[in-house]
Protein backbone atom coordinates (compact mmCIF):
# COMPACT_ATOMS: atom_id res chain seq x y z
CA UNK A 1 98.97 137.21 36.84
CA UNK A 2 100.48 140.00 38.93
CA UNK A 3 103.26 139.17 41.33
CA UNK A 4 102.73 139.65 45.04
CA UNK A 5 105.12 142.60 44.93
CA UNK A 6 103.03 144.27 42.19
CA UNK A 7 99.83 143.67 44.16
CA UNK A 8 101.35 145.17 47.32
CA UNK A 9 102.61 148.20 45.39
CA UNK A 10 99.14 148.77 43.94
CA UNK A 11 97.57 148.39 47.36
CA UNK A 12 99.97 150.96 48.79
CA UNK A 13 99.31 153.38 45.92
CA UNK A 14 95.55 153.12 46.47
CA UNK A 15 95.96 153.47 50.22
CA UNK A 16 97.94 156.69 49.80
CA UNK A 17 95.08 158.14 47.76
CA UNK A 18 92.54 157.32 50.47
CA UNK A 19 94.31 158.21 53.72
CA UNK A 20 94.43 161.70 55.21
CA UNK A 21 97.84 163.38 55.02
CA UNK A 22 98.08 163.32 58.84
CA UNK A 23 97.84 159.52 58.87
CA UNK A 24 100.42 159.20 56.10
CA UNK A 25 102.75 161.48 58.08
CA UNK A 26 102.36 159.27 61.18
CA UNK A 27 103.07 156.14 59.11
CA UNK A 28 106.13 157.81 57.60
CA UNK A 29 107.41 158.87 61.03
CA UNK A 30 107.00 155.38 62.49
CA UNK A 31 108.81 153.85 59.50
CA UNK A 32 111.63 156.36 60.00
CA UNK A 33 111.82 155.44 63.71
CA UNK A 34 111.94 151.71 62.96
CA UNK A 35 114.73 152.24 60.44
CA UNK A 36 116.63 154.39 62.96
CA UNK A 37 116.38 151.52 65.45
CA UNK A 38 117.98 149.14 62.92
CA UNK A 39 114.92 146.94 62.54
CA UNK A 40 115.63 146.29 58.85
CA UNK A 41 119.14 145.02 59.53
CA UNK A 42 118.00 142.68 62.30
CA UNK A 43 114.95 141.34 60.45
CA UNK A 44 114.78 137.97 58.78
CA UNK A 45 115.47 138.22 55.06
CA UNK A 46 114.09 136.36 52.10
CA UNK A 47 115.35 132.79 52.08
CA UNK A 48 116.49 132.83 55.71
CA UNK A 49 115.18 130.27 58.18
CA UNK A 50 112.41 131.55 60.43
CA UNK A 51 112.89 130.69 64.11
CA UNK A 52 110.33 128.40 65.71
CA UNK A 53 107.63 130.08 67.75
CA UNK A 54 104.26 129.33 69.35
CA UNK A 55 100.98 131.19 68.76
CA UNK A 56 97.45 130.53 69.87
CA UNK A 57 95.08 129.05 67.30
CA UNK A 58 91.36 129.84 67.04
CA UNK A 59 90.68 127.46 69.95
CA UNK A 60 93.28 129.19 72.17
CA UNK A 61 95.58 126.17 71.83
CA UNK A 62 99.32 126.87 71.47
CA UNK A 63 100.59 125.77 68.07
CA UNK A 64 104.28 125.64 67.17
CA UNK A 65 105.52 126.74 63.76
CA UNK A 66 107.36 123.44 63.39
CA UNK A 67 104.04 121.60 63.81
CA UNK A 68 102.34 123.72 61.13
CA UNK A 69 105.24 123.10 58.75
CA UNK A 70 104.60 119.35 58.92
CA UNK A 71 101.46 120.03 56.83
CA UNK A 72 103.19 122.21 54.25
CA UNK A 73 103.96 125.89 53.74
CA UNK A 74 102.99 128.53 56.30
CA UNK A 75 102.21 132.22 55.89
CA UNK A 76 103.11 134.46 58.81
CA UNK A 77 101.32 137.83 58.78
CA UNK A 78 101.99 140.75 61.06
CA UNK A 79 99.32 143.42 61.37
CA UNK A 80 100.56 146.86 62.26
CA UNK A 81 99.03 148.28 65.40
CA UNK A 82 96.90 145.29 66.25
CA UNK A 83 97.12 142.02 68.08
CA UNK A 84 95.75 138.96 66.35
CA UNK A 85 95.75 135.58 68.12
CA UNK A 86 94.92 133.80 64.85
CA UNK A 87 97.70 135.10 62.61
CA UNK A 88 99.59 131.82 62.08
CA UNK A 89 97.68 129.83 59.50
CA UNK A 90 98.99 126.79 57.67
CA UNK A 91 98.35 126.59 53.95
């Protein structure tokens, strides 16, 4: 079975083949800008504790990360350029 890192790398390779060069240039520029702002250095790293937060669930009810963690592991996904009220899902 492929690791998550391998799957992401393959996804990125396929994406590069499908996107127009203008879009890739915009992505590259925004990544450069984020790095220039020091986002990488201030981001949470692997193994670090994630701060508690609240998000709305599918019923527009505020759910705290600490409450989701009572049921087990949680995946937090961030979608570039979009807002998703349902992005905190307990697994």
